[in-house]
Amino acid sequence: MTVQIFNFLLKYLKGMKEVIVMLYVFVIFAFFVLFIFNTLTMRLCLQTEMSQEKQPNVFRTINVLITILLISSYVEVIYT
């Protein structure tokens, strides 16, 4: 019985190590993606000559939507 519990804990900890490494990689990837999308959003605002009052709303909306996409893709990768 004790050996079975020990083996289960080893498998669980090994799986957690992979999840933690994946989390670190994904966070770095997420910052890169958000940086690229913020750069593209800035270009959009400059090209369309958007007013200064509208720009924060556009940035906020795009950042929230991209963050939702990143979180959902992380969950999909980890749990499938």
Protein backbone atom coordinates (compact mmCIF):
# COMPACT_ATOMS: atom_id res chain seq x y z
CA MET A 1 0.00 0.00 0.00
CA THR A 2 2.77 2.44 0.93
CA VAL A 3 4.65 1.64 -2.27
CA GLN A 4 1.56 2.41 -4.33
CA ILE A 5 1.12 5.77 -2.63
CA PHE A 6 4.79 6.57 -3.13
CA ASN A 7 4.59 5.68 -6.85
CA PHE A 8 1.47 7.80 -7.22
CA LEU A 9 3.20 10.79 -5.60
CA LEU A 10 6.22 10.39 -7.87
CA LYS A 11 4.00 10.34 -10.98
CA TYR A 12 2.05 13.36 -9.71
CA LEU A 13 5.16 15.41 -8.96
CA LYS A 14 6.69 14.52 -12.32
CA GLY A 15 3.51 15.71 -14.03
CA MET A 16 3.53 18.93 -12.01
CA LYS A 17 7.10 19.65 -13.04
CA GLU A 18 6.06 19.51 -16.70
CA VAL A 19 3.11 21.81 -16.02
CA ILE A 20 5.31 24.35 -14.26
CA VAL A 21 7.87 24.36 -17.08
CA MET A 22 5.06 24.76 -19.61
CA LEU A 23 3.67 27.65 -17.56
CA TYR A 24 7.01 29.48 -17.65
CA VAL A 25 7.36 28.98 -21.39
CA PHE A 26 3.79 30.05 -22.00
CA VAL A 27 4.14 33.22 -19.89
CA ILE A 28 7.17 34.29 -21.94
CA PHE A 29 5.24 33.51 -25.13
CA ALA A 30 2.24 35.49 -23.84
CA PHE A 31 4.33 38.59 -23.14
CA PHE A 32 5.78 38.37 -26.64
CA VAL A 33 2.31 38.03 -28.20
CA LEU A 34 0.91 40.93 -26.16
CA PHE A 35 3.87 43.10 -27.12
CA ILE A 36 3.37 42.36 -30.82
CA PHE A 37 -0.38 43.03 -30.65
CA ASN A 38 0.15 46.27 -28.73
CA THR A 39 2.63 47.38 -31.39
CA LEU A 40 0.12 46.57 -34.12
CA THR A 41 -2.63 48.37 -32.20
CA MET A 42 -0.45 51.46 -31.90
CA ARG A 43 0.12 51.41 -35.66
CA LEU A 44 -3.63 51.08 -36.19
CA CYS A 45 -4.32 54.06 -33.94
CA LEU A 46 -1.71 56.16 -35.72
CA GLN A 47 -2.84 55.20 -39.24
CA THR A 48 -6.51 55.84 -38.57
CA GLU A 49 -5.67 59.03 -36.64
CA MET A 50 -7.79 57.87 -33.75
CA SER A 51 -8.56 60.39 -31.03
CA GLN A 52 -6.66 60.21 -27.76
CA GLU A 53 -9.91 59.53 -25.88
CA LYS A 54 -10.66 56.35 -27.85
CA GLN A 55 -7.18 54.84 -27.77
CA PRO A 56 -7.24 53.50 -24.17
CA ASN A 57 -10.54 51.73 -24.85
CA VAL A 58 -9.14 50.12 -28.00
CA PHE A 59 -5.99 48.97 -26.20
CA ARG A 60 -7.96 47.65 -23.24
CA THR A 61 -10.40 45.73 -25.45
CA ILE A 62 -7.67 44.15 -27.57
CA ASN A 63 -5.53 43.25 -24.53
CA VAL A 64 -8.46 41.63 -22.73
CA LEU A 65 -9.46 39.61 -25.80
CA ILE A 66 -5.89 38.46 -26.47
CA THR A 67 -5.46 37.52 -22.81
CA ILE A 68 -8.64 35.43 -22.94
CA LEU A 69 -7.34 33.68 -26.06
CA LEU A 70 -3.96 33.01 -24.44
CA ILE A 71 -5.51 31.60 -21.27
CA SER A 72 -7.89 29.37 -23.19
CA SER A 73 -5.08 28.07 -25.39
CA TYR A 74 -2.94 27.35 -22.30
CA VAL A 75 -5.78 25.40 -20.71
CA GLU A 76 -6.32 23.48 -23.94
CA VAL A 77 -2.63 22.56 -24.20
CA ILE A 78 -2.34 21.47 -20.58
CA TYR A 79 -5.55 19.47 -20.32
CA THR A 80 -5.70 17.74 -23.71
